[in-house]
Amino acid sequence: MARPVLIDPADGPCEICAARGPGRCDSCDAPVGEFEHMAGRGFQSPVPDHWHLRPVEGIAGRQAVYAELCLACYRKAFAAKYPGHPLPPAPRQLSHD
């Protein structure tokens, strides 16, 4: 697995974050759909997608940024990160976008 990218805000806005569309899967670009208790947000990737350099209480640090995924891509990412573990149950879907 490739290591996530480290973004330095001194180089300008994060191109990865800017390219992402709201309500779209960051992996396959499909609509994430509407699920109970998720307010139109997708499923958070189980591993960081990339990192932003950010001060943490005045000390140089980094902030993990996670991809927003549709249910199918989340299940693939979860299975890759946690092989042999059962998939968590999905929340109730409210729409079929």
PDB file of N, CA and C in Angstrom:
ATOM      1  N   MET A   1       0.836  -1.170   0.000  1.00  0.00           N
ATOM      2  CA  MET A   1       0.000   0.000   0.000  1.00  0.00           C
ATOM      3  C   MET A   1       0.890   1.246   0.000  1.00  0.00           C
ATOM      4  N   ALA A   2       0.545   2.201  -0.816  1.00  0.00           N
ATOM      5  CA  ALA A   2       1.313   3.440  -0.904  1.00  0.00           C
ATOM      6  C   ALA A   2       1.092   4.289   0.349  1.00  0.00           C
ATOM      7  N   ARG A   3       2.108   5.025   0.717  1.00  0.00           N
ATOM      8  CA  ARG A   3       1.991   5.916   1.870  1.00  0.00           C
ATOM      9  C   ARG A   3       1.197   7.150   1.459  1.00  0.00           C
ATOM     10  N   PRO A   4       0.391   7.705   2.374  1.00  0.00           N
ATOM     11  CA  PRO A   4      -0.372   8.909   2.050  1.00  0.00           C
ATOM     12  C   PRO A   4       0.532  10.105   1.769  1.00  0.00           C
ATOM     13  N   VAL A   5       0.002  11.032   1.024  1.00  0.00           N
ATOM     14  CA  VAL A   5       0.710  12.252   0.627  1.00  0.00           C
ATOM     15  C   VAL A   5       0.656  13.262   1.761  1.00  0.00           C
ATOM     16  N   LEU A   6       1.729  14.017   1.951  1.00  0.00           N
ATOM     17  CA  LEU A   6       1.803  15.073   2.955  1.00  0.00           C
ATOM     18  C   LEU A   6       1.708  16.418   2.243  1.00  0.00           C
ATOM     19  N   ILE A   7       0.695  17.224   2.592  1.00  0.00           N
ATOM     20  CA  ILE A   7       0.442  18.513   1.953  1.00  0.00           C
ATOM     21  C   ILE A   7       0.906  19.633   2.876  1.00  0.00           C
ATOM     22  N   ASP A   8       1.721  20.530   2.348  1.00  0.00           N
ATOM     23  CA  ASP A   8       2.189  21.694   3.105  1.00  0.00           C
ATOM     24  C   ASP A   8       1.381  22.908   2.653  1.00  0.00           C
ATOM     25  N   PRO A   9       0.590  23.542   3.565  1.00  0.00           N
ATOM     26  CA  PRO A   9      -0.218  24.699   3.161  1.00  0.00           C
ATOM     27  C   PRO A   9       0.627  25.872   2.665  1.00  0.00           C
ATOM     28  N   ALA A  10       1.915  25.900   2.967  1.00  0.00           N
ATOM     29  CA  ALA A  10       2.792  26.946   2.447  1.00  0.00           C
ATOM     30  C   ALA A  10       2.913  26.859   0.925  1.00  0.00           C
ATOM     31  N   ASP A  11       2.610  25.693   0.362  1.00  0.00           N
ATOM     32  CA  ASP A  11       2.659  25.502  -1.087  1.00  0.00           C
ATOM     33  C   ASP A  11       1.356  25.907  -1.769  1.00  0.00           C
ATOM     34  N   GLY A  12       0.369  26.351  -1.005  1.00  0.00           N
ATOM     35  CA  GLY A  12      -0.929  26.746  -1.555  1.00  0.00           C
ATOM     36  C   GLY A  12      -2.018  25.790  -1.102  1.00  0.00           C
ATOM     37  N   PRO A  13      -3.253  26.023  -1.574  1.00  0.00           N
ATOM     38  CA  PRO A  13      -4.378  25.172  -1.164  1.00  0.00           C
ATOM     39  C   PRO A  13      -4.161  23.712  -1.566  1.00  0.00           C
ATOM     40  N   CYS A  14      -4.732  22.828  -0.800  1.00  0.00           N
ATOM     41  CA  CYS A  14      -4.627  21.389  -1.072  1.00  0.00           C
ATOM     42  C   CYS A  14      -5.422  21.050  -2.335  1.00  0.00           C
ATOM     43  N   GLU A  15      -4.733  20.591  -3.361  1.00  0.00           N
ATOM     44  CA  GLU A  15      -5.389  20.234  -4.622  1.00  0.00           C
ATOM     45  C   GLU A  15      -6.247  18.986  -4.481  1.00  0.00           C
ATOM     46  N   ILE A  16      -5.887  18.101  -3.575  1.00  0.00           N
ATOM     47  CA  ILE A  16      -6.674  16.880  -3.365  1.00  0.00           C
ATOM     48  C   ILE A  16      -8.037  17.246  -2.788  1.00  0.00           C
ATOM     49  N   CYS A  17      -8.055  18.079  -1.748  1.00  0.00           N
ATOM     50  CA  CYS A  17      -9.320  18.491  -1.133  1.00  0.00           C
ATOM     51  C   CYS A  17     -10.153  19.333  -2.093  1.00  0.00           C
ATOM     52  N   ALA A  18      -9.503  20.209  -2.866  1.00  0.00           N
ATOM     53  CA  ALA A  18     -10.219  21.087  -3.789  1.00  0.00           C
ATOM     54  C   ALA A  18     -10.903  20.305  -4.904  1.00  0.00           C
ATOM     55  N   ALA A  19     -10.354  19.159  -5.286  1.00  0.00           N
ATOM     56  CA  ALA A  19     -10.911  18.370  -6.383  1.00  0.00           C
ATOM     57  C   ALA A  19     -12.107  17.525  -5.967  1.00  0.00           C
ATOM     58  N   ARG A  20     -12.365  17.426  -4.695  1.00  0.00           N
ATOM     59  CA  ARG A  20     -13.445  16.564  -4.210  1.00  0.00           C
ATOM     60  C   ARG A  20     -14.795  17.256  -4.318  1.00  0.00           C
ATOM     61  N   GLY A  21     -15.771  16.501  -4.768  1.00  0.00           N
ATOM     62  CA  GLY A  21     -17.123  17.042  -4.888  1.00  0.00           C
ATOM     63  C   GLY A  21     -17.968  16.660  -3.684  1.00  0.00           C
ATOM     64  N   PRO A  22     -18.784  17.586  -3.188  1.00  0.00           N
ATOM     65  CA  PRO A  22     -19.632  17.255  -2.044  1.00  0.00           C
ATOM     66  C   PRO A  22     -20.655  16.176  -2.414  1.00  0.00           C
ATOM     67  N   GLY A  23     -20.808  15.225  -1.526  1.00  0.00           N
ATOM     68  CA  GLY A  23     -21.777  14.156  -1.750  1.00  0.00           C
ATOM     69  C   GLY A  23     -21.343  13.124  -2.768  1.00  0.00           C
ATOM     70  N   ARG A  24     -20.065  13.139  -3.165  1.00  0.00           N
ATOM     71  CA  ARG A  24     -19.542  12.181  -4.134  1.00  0.00           C
ATOM     72  C   ARG A  24     -18.451  11.349  -3.465  1.00  0.00           C
ATOM     73  N   CYS A  25     -18.344  10.107  -3.867  1.00  0.00           N
ATOM     74  CA  CYS A  25     -17.308   9.214  -3.345  1.00  0.00           C
ATOM     75  C   CYS A  25     -15.945   9.686  -3.852  1.00  0.00           C
ATOM     76  N   ASP A  26     -14.985   9.823  -2.944  1.00  0.00           N
ATOM     77  CA  ASP A  26     -13.644  10.262  -3.314  1.00  0.00           C
ATOM     78  C   ASP A  26     -12.867   9.185  -4.065  1.00  0.00           C
ATOM     79  N   SER A  27     -13.368   7.955  -4.076  1.00  0.00           N
ATOM     80  CA  SER A  27     -12.686   6.869  -4.761  1.00  0.00           C
ATOM     81  C   SER A  27     -13.250   6.629  -6.165  1.00  0.00           C
ATOM     82  N   CYS A  28     -14.583   6.502  -6.267  1.00  0.00           N
ATOM     83  CA  CYS A  28     -15.181   6.146  -7.566  1.00  0.00           C
ATOM     84  C   CYS A  28     -16.068   7.243  -8.146  1.00  0.00           C
ATOM     85  N   ASP A  29     -16.261   8.339  -7.436  1.00  0.00           N
ATOM     86  CA  ASP A  29     -17.060   9.497  -7.851  1.00  0.00           C
ATOM     87  C   ASP A  29     -18.567   9.215  -7.917  1.00  0.00           C
ATOM     88  N   ALA A  30     -19.021   8.091  -7.376  1.00  0.00           N
ATOM     89  CA  ALA A  30     -20.463   7.813  -7.320  1.00  0.00           C
ATOM     90  C   ALA A  30     -21.095   8.645  -6.202  1.00  0.00           C
ATOM     91  N   PRO A  31     -22.398   8.916  -6.273  1.00  0.00           N
ATOM     92  CA  PRO A  31     -23.055   9.604  -5.154  1.00  0.00           C
ATOM     93  C   PRO A  31     -22.956   8.748  -3.890  1.00  0.00           C
ATOM     94  N   VAL A  32     -22.734   9.383  -2.746  1.00  0.00           N
ATOM     95  CA  VAL A  32     -22.613   8.618  -1.499  1.00  0.00           C
ATOM     96  C   VAL A  32     -23.966   8.178  -0.972  1.00  0.00           C
ATOM     97  N   GLY A  33     -25.055   8.800  -1.412  1.00  0.00           N
ATOM     98  CA  GLY A  33     -26.396   8.421  -0.959  1.00  0.00           C
ATOM     99  C   GLY A  33     -26.731   9.049   0.381  1.00  0.00           C
ATOM    100  N   GLU A  34     -27.942   8.833   0.805  1.00  0.00           N
ATOM    101  CA  GLU A  34     -28.444   9.372   2.078  1.00  0.00           C
ATOM    102  C   GLU A  34     -28.659   8.215   3.043  1.00  0.00           C
ATOM    103  N   PHE A  35     -27.987   8.268   4.177  1.00  0.00           N
ATOM    104  CA  PHE A  35     -28.116   7.227   5.186  1.00  0.00           C
ATOM    105  C   PHE A  35     -28.534   7.857   6.511  1.00  0.00           C
ATOM    106  N   GLU A  36     -29.265   7.105   7.275  1.00  0.00           N
ATOM    107  CA  GLU A  36     -29.735   7.562   8.577  1.00  0.00           C
ATOM    108  C   GLU A  36     -28.555   7.996   9.452  1.00  0.00           C
ATOM    109  N   HIS A  37     -28.684   9.151  10.098  1.00  0.00           N
ATOM    110  CA  HIS A  37     -27.706   9.706  11.038  1.00  0.00           C
ATOM    111  C   HIS A  37     -26.395  10.142  10.381  1.00  0.00           C
ATOM    112  N   MET A  38     -26.352  10.285   9.050  1.00  0.00           N
ATOM    113  CA  MET A  38     -25.097  10.651   8.403  1.00  0.00           C
ATOM    114  C   MET A  38     -25.144  12.021   7.734  1.00  0.00           C
ATOM    115  N   ALA A  39     -26.280  12.683   7.718  1.00  0.00           N
ATOM    116  CA  ALA A  39     -26.418  14.050   7.207  1.00  0.00           C
ATOM    117  C   ALA A  39     -25.826  14.231   5.807  1.00  0.00           C
ATOM    118  N   GLY A  40     -26.015  13.253   4.933  1.00  0.00           N
ATOM    119  CA  GLY A  40     -25.538  13.374   3.557  1.00  0.00           C
ATOM    120  C   GLY A  40     -24.060  13.191   3.369  1.00  0.00           C
ATOM    121  N   ARG A  41     -23.363  12.804   4.418  1.00  0.00           N
ATOM    122  CA  ARG A  41     -21.919  12.577   4.321  1.00  0.00           C
ATOM    123  C   ARG A  41     -21.670  11.125   3.943  1.00  0.00           C
ATOM    124  N   GLY A  42     -20.521  10.876   3.353  1.00  0.00           N
ATOM    125  CA  GLY A  42     -20.149   9.513   3.011  1.00  0.00           C
ATOM    126  C   GLY A  42     -19.531   8.791   4.195  1.00  0.00           C
ATOM    127  N   PHE A  43     -19.071   7.596   3.943  1.00  0.00           N
ATOM    128  CA  PHE A  43     -18.404   6.791   4.960  1.00  0.00           C
ATOM    129  C   PHE A  43     -16.938   7.189   5.008  1.00  0.00           C
ATOM    130  N   GLN A  44     -16.373   7.330   6.196  1.00  0.00           N
ATOM    131  CA  GLN A  44     -14.970   7.722   6.343  1.00  0.00           C
ATOM    132  C   GLN A  44     -14.069   6.531   6.084  1.00  0.00           C
ATOM    133  N   SER A  45     -13.085   6.740   5.233  1.00  0.00           N
ATOM    134  CA  SER A  45     -12.102   5.705   4.949  1.00  0.00           C
ATOM    135  C   SER A  45     -11.451   5.241   6.253  1.00  0.00           C
ATOM    136  N   PRO A  46     -11.145   3.949   6.384  1.00  0.00           N
ATOM    137  CA  PRO A  46     -10.502   3.471   7.618  1.00  0.00           C
ATOM    138  C   PRO A  46      -9.031   3.860   7.739  1.00  0.00           C
ATOM    139  N   VAL A  47      -8.452   4.391   6.694  1.00  0.00           N
ATOM    140  CA  VAL A  47      -7.055   4.850   6.735  1.00  0.00           C
ATOM    141  C   VAL A  47      -6.978   6.261   6.165  1.00  0.00           C
ATOM    142  N   PRO A  48      -6.036   7.079   6.634  1.00  0.00           N
ATOM    143  CA  PRO A  48      -5.918   8.438   6.085  1.00  0.00           C
ATOM    144  C   PRO A  48      -5.640   8.411   4.582  1.00  0.00           C
ATOM    145  N   ASP A  49      -6.240   9.343   3.899  1.00  0.00           N
ATOM    146  CA  ASP A  49      -6.056   9.499   2.456  1.00  0.00           C
ATOM    147  C   ASP A  49      -4.811  10.344   2.175  1.00  0.00           C
ATOM    148  N   HIS A  50      -4.657  11.410   2.950  1.00  0.00           N
ATOM    149  CA  HIS A  50      -3.473  12.259   2.878  1.00  0.00           C
ATOM    150  C   HIS A  50      -3.373  13.046   4.178  1.00  0.00           C
ATOM    151  N   TRP A  51      -2.308  13.812   4.316  1.00  0.00           N
ATOM    152  CA  TRP A  51      -2.054  14.559   5.545  1.00  0.00           C
ATOM    153  C   TRP A  51      -1.854  16.036   5.231  1.00  0.00           C
ATOM    154  N   HIS A  52      -2.266  16.908   6.139  1.00  0.00           N
ATOM    155  CA  HIS A  52      -1.978  18.339   6.049  1.00  0.00           C
ATOM    156  C   HIS A  52      -1.030  18.695   7.190  1.00  0.00           C
ATOM    157  N   LEU A  53       0.006  19.465   6.886  1.00  0.00           N
ATOM    158  CA  LEU A  53       0.861  19.987   7.950  1.00  0.00           C
ATOM    159  C   LEU A  53       0.068  21.055   8.684  1.00  0.00           C
ATOM    160  N   ARG A  54      -0.061  20.932   9.999  1.00  0.00           N
ATOM    161  CA  ARG A  54      -0.815  21.868  10.816  1.00  0.00           C
ATOM    162  C   ARG A  54      -0.142  21.953  12.183  1.00  0.00           C
ATOM    163  N   PRO A  55      -0.140  23.150  12.770  1.00  0.00           N
ATOM    164  CA  PRO A  55       0.363  23.228  14.148  1.00  0.00           C
ATOM    165  C   PRO A  55      -0.616  22.538  15.104  1.00  0.00           C
ATOM    166  N   VAL A  56      -0.061  21.827  16.059  1.00  0.00           N
ATOM    167  CA  VAL A  56      -0.852  21.165  17.093  1.00  0.00           C
ATOM    168  C   VAL A  56      -0.436  21.791  18.419  1.00  0.00           C
ATOM    169  N   GLU A  57      -1.291  22.664  18.963  1.00  0.00           N
ATOM    170  CA  GLU A  57      -1.002  23.408  20.183  1.00  0.00           C
ATOM    171  C   GLU A  57       0.354  24.105  20.096  1.00  0.00           C
ATOM    172  N   GLY A  58       0.577  24.762  18.945  1.00  0.00           N
ATOM    173  CA  GLY A  58       1.790  25.545  18.757  1.00  0.00           C
ATOM    174  C   GLY A  58       3.009  24.770  18.302  1.00  0.00           C
ATOM    175  N   ILE A  59       2.888  23.474  18.173  1.00  0.00           N
ATOM    176  CA  ILE A  59       4.019  22.640  17.754  1.00  0.00           C
ATOM    177  C   ILE A  59       3.723  22.097  16.357  1.00  0.00           C
ATOM    178  N   ALA A  60       4.734  22.069  15.508  1.00  0.00           N
ATOM    179  CA  ALA A  60       4.541  21.545  14.158  1.00  0.00           C
ATOM    180  C   ALA A  60       3.983  20.133  14.228  1.00  0.00           C
ATOM    181  N   GLY A  61       2.945  19.891  13.463  1.00  0.00           N
ATOM    182  CA  GLY A  61       2.316  18.575  13.474  1.00  0.00           C
ATOM    183  C   GLY A  61       1.655  18.303  12.141  1.00  0.00           C
ATOM    184  N   ARG A  62       0.867  17.266  12.108  1.00  0.00           N
ATOM    185  CA  ARG A  62       0.146  16.932  10.883  1.00  0.00           C
ATOM    186  C   ARG A  62      -1.258  16.451  11.239  1.00  0.00           C
ATOM    187  N   GLN A  63      -2.175  16.703  10.319  1.00  0.00           N
ATOM    188  CA  GLN A  63      -3.577  16.339  10.508  1.00  0.00           C
ATOM    189  C   GLN A  63      -3.948  15.305   9.445  1.00  0.00           C
ATOM    190  N   ALA A  64      -4.494  14.194   9.874  1.00  0.00           N
ATOM    191  CA  ALA A  64      -4.938  13.170   8.935  1.00  0.00           C
ATOM    192  C   ALA A  64      -6.211  13.630   8.242  1.00  0.00           C
ATOM    193  N   VAL A  65      -6.274  13.418   6.940  1.00  0.00           N
ATOM    194  CA  VAL A  65      -7.471  13.721   6.162  1.00  0.00           C
ATOM    195  C   VAL A  65      -7.948  12.395   5.578  1.00  0.00           C
ATOM    196  N   TYR A  66      -9.216  12.085   5.815  1.00  0.00           N
ATOM    197  CA  TYR A  66      -9.782  10.813   5.387  1.00  0.00           C
ATOM    198  C   TYR A  66     -10.696  11.004   4.184  1.00  0.00           C
ATOM    199  N   ALA A  67     -10.690  10.053   3.278  1.00  0.00           N
ATOM    200  CA  ALA A  67     -11.567  10.103   2.112  1.00  0.00           C
ATOM    201  C   ALA A  67     -13.006   9.854   2.546  1.00  0.00           C
ATOM    202  N   GLU A  68     -13.937  10.477   1.846  1.00  0.00           N
ATOM    203  CA  GLU A  68     -15.368  10.239   2.026  1.00  0.00           C
ATOM    204  C   GLU A  68     -15.774   9.245   0.948  1.00  0.00           C
ATOM    205  N   LEU A  69     -16.285   8.089   1.361  1.00  0.00           N
ATOM    206  CA  LEU A  69     -16.533   6.988   0.436  1.00  0.00           C
ATOM    207  C   LEU A  69     -18.002   6.601   0.363  1.00  0.00           C
ATOM    208  N   CYS A  70     -18.395   6.015  -0.772  1.00  0.00           N
ATOM    209  CA  CYS A  70     -19.713   5.391  -0.874  1.00  0.00           C
ATOM    210  C   CYS A  70     -19.638   4.065  -0.103  1.00  0.00           C
ATOM    211  N   LEU A  71     -20.775   3.441   0.120  1.00  0.00           N
ATOM    212  CA  LEU A  71     -20.799   2.208   0.905  1.00  0.00           C
ATOM    213  C   LEU A  71     -19.964   1.101   0.261  1.00  0.00           C
ATOM    214  N   ALA A  72     -20.045   0.951  -1.056  1.00  0.00           N
ATOM    215  CA  ALA A  72     -19.285  -0.119  -1.731  1.00  0.00           C
ATOM    216  C   ALA A  72     -17.777   0.086  -1.569  1.00  0.00           C
ATOM    217  N   CYS A  73     -17.293   1.321  -1.765  1.00  0.00           N
ATOM    218  CA  CYS A  73     -15.864   1.590  -1.623  1.00  0.00           C
ATOM    219  C   CYS A  73     -15.423   1.484  -0.161  1.00  0.00           C
ATOM    220  N   TYR A  74     -16.297   1.889   0.769  1.00  0.00           N
ATOM    221  CA  TYR A  74     -15.968   1.743   2.191  1.00  0.00           C
ATOM    222  C   TYR A  74     -15.793   0.272   2.540  1.00  0.00           C
ATOM    223  N   ARG A  75     -16.689  -0.564   2.066  1.00  0.00           N
ATOM    224  CA  ARG A  75     -16.581  -1.999   2.363  1.00  0.00           C
ATOM    225  C   ARG A  75     -15.285  -2.586   1.805  1.00  0.00           C
ATOM    226  N   LYS A  76     -14.884  -2.172   0.605  1.00  0.00           N
ATOM    227  CA  LYS A  76     -13.614  -2.645   0.032  1.00  0.00           C
ATOM    228  C   LYS A  76     -12.430  -2.171   0.873  1.00  0.00           C
ATOM    229  N   ALA A  77     -12.447  -0.896   1.271  1.00  0.00           N
ATOM    230  CA  ALA A  77     -11.349  -0.343   2.067  1.00  0.00           C
ATOM    231  C   ALA A  77     -11.283  -1.004   3.443  1.00  0.00           C
ATOM    232  N   PHE A  78     -12.441  -1.252   4.053  1.00  0.00           N
ATOM    233  CA  PHE A  78     -12.483  -1.901   5.367  1.00  0.00           C
ATOM    234  C   PHE A  78     -11.920  -3.317   5.263  1.00  0.00           C
ATOM    235  N   ALA A  79     -12.346  -4.063   4.236  1.00  0.00           N
ATOM    236  CA  ALA A  79     -11.870  -5.444   4.062  1.00  0.00           C
ATOM    237  C   ALA A  79     -10.362  -5.478   3.819  1.00  0.00           C
ATOM    238  N   ALA A  80      -9.824  -4.479   3.108  1.00  0.00           N
ATOM    239  CA  ALA A  80      -8.385  -4.432   2.861  1.00  0.00           C
ATOM    240  C   ALA A  80      -7.616  -4.100   4.136  1.00  0.00           C
ATOM    241  N   LYS A  81      -8.160  -3.216   4.962  1.00  0.00           N
ATOM    242  CA  LYS A  81      -7.481  -2.804   6.198  1.00  0.00           C
ATOM    243  C   LYS A  81      -7.606  -3.872   7.285  1.00  0.00           C
ATOM    244  N   TYR A  82      -8.773  -4.505   7.369  1.00  0.00           N
ATOM    245  CA  TYR A  82      -9.042  -5.479   8.432  1.00  0.00           C
ATOM    246  C   TYR A  82      -9.436  -6.831   7.839  1.00  0.00           C
ATOM    247  N   PRO A  83      -8.519  -7.504   7.149  1.00  0.00           N
ATOM    248  CA  PRO A  83      -8.875  -8.795   6.545  1.00  0.00           C
ATOM    249  C   PRO A  83      -9.288  -9.804   7.613  1.00  0.00           C
ATOM    250  N   GLY A  84     -10.321 -10.561   7.279  1.00  0.00           N
ATOM    251  CA  GLY A  84     -10.799 -11.586   8.201  1.00  0.00           C
ATOM    252  C   GLY A  84     -11.803 -11.095   9.222  1.00  0.00           C
ATOM    253  N   HIS A  85     -12.011  -9.781   9.320  1.00  0.00           N
ATOM    254  CA  HIS A  85     -12.997  -9.248  10.256  1.00  0.00           C
ATOM    255  C   HIS A  85     -14.321  -9.027   9.534  1.00  0.00           C
ATOM    256  N   PRO A  86     -15.440  -9.261  10.213  1.00  0.00           N
ATOM    257  CA  PRO A  86     -16.729  -9.021   9.551  1.00  0.00           C
ATOM    258  C   PRO A  86     -16.943  -7.528   9.303  1.00  0.00           C
ATOM    259  N   LEU A  87     -17.633  -7.226   8.210  1.00  0.00           N
ATOM    260  CA  LEU A  87     -17.941  -5.831   7.908  1.00  0.00           C
ATOM    261  C   LEU A  87     -18.927  -5.279   8.932  1.00  0.00           C
ATOM    262  N   PRO A  88     -18.757  -4.016   9.325  1.00  0.00           N
ATOM    263  CA  PRO A  88     -19.734  -3.424  10.238  1.00  0.00           C
ATOM    264  C   PRO A  88     -21.079  -3.279   9.532  1.00  0.00           C
ATOM    265  N   PRO A  89     -22.168  -3.322  10.270  1.00  0.00           N
ATOM    266  CA  PRO A  89     -23.471  -3.166   9.624  1.00  0.00           C
ATOM    267  C   PRO A  89     -23.621  -1.754   9.066  1.00  0.00           C
ATOM    268  N   ALA A  90     -24.274  -1.644   7.929  1.00  0.00           N
ATOM    269  CA  ALA A  90     -24.503  -0.338   7.309  1.00  0.00           C
ATOM    270  C   ALA A  90     -25.725   0.313   7.943  1.00  0.00           C
ATOM    271  N   PRO A  91     -25.715   1.649   8.051  1.00  0.00           N
ATOM    272  CA  PRO A  91     -26.912   2.330   8.538  1.00  0.00           C
ATOM    273  C   PRO A  91     -28.022   2.221   7.504  1.00  0.00           C
ATOM    274  N   ARG A  92     -29.229   2.505   7.917  1.00  0.00           N
ATOM    275  CA  ARG A  92     -30.390   2.419   7.023  1.00  0.00           C
ATOM    276  C   ARG A  92     -30.281   3.488   5.939  1.00  0.00           C
ATOM    277  N   GLN A  93     -30.426   3.064   4.677  1.00  0.00           N
ATOM    278  CA  GLN A  93     -30.343   4.004   3.551  1.00  0.00           C
ATOM    279  C   GLN A  93     -31.676   4.705   3.382  1.00  0.00           C
ATOM    280  N   LEU A  94     -31.626   6.041   3.237  1.00  0.00           N
ATOM    281  CA  LEU A  94     -32.825   6.852   3.091  1.00  0.00           C
ATOM    282  C   LEU A  94     -33.150   7.136   1.628  1.00  0.00           C
ATOM    283  N   SER A  95     -32.147   7.147   0.751  1.00  0.00           N
ATOM    284  CA  SER A  95     -32.373   7.379  -0.677  1.00  0.00           C
ATOM    285  C   SER A  95     -31.469   6.465  -1.468  1.00  0.00           C
ATOM    286  N   HIS A  96     -31.746   6.374  -2.742  1.00  0.00           N
ATOM    287  CA  HIS A  96     -30.969   5.492  -3.627  1.00  0.00           C
ATOM    288  C   HIS A  96     -30.350   6.303  -4.742  1.00  0.00           C
ATOM    289  N   ASP A  97     -29.588   7.375  -4.405  1.00  0.00           N
ATOM    290  CA  ASP A  97     -28.975   8.253  -5.405  1.00  0.00           C
ATOM    291  C   ASP A  97     -27.994   7.506  -6.263  1.00  0.00           C
TER     292      ASP A  97
END
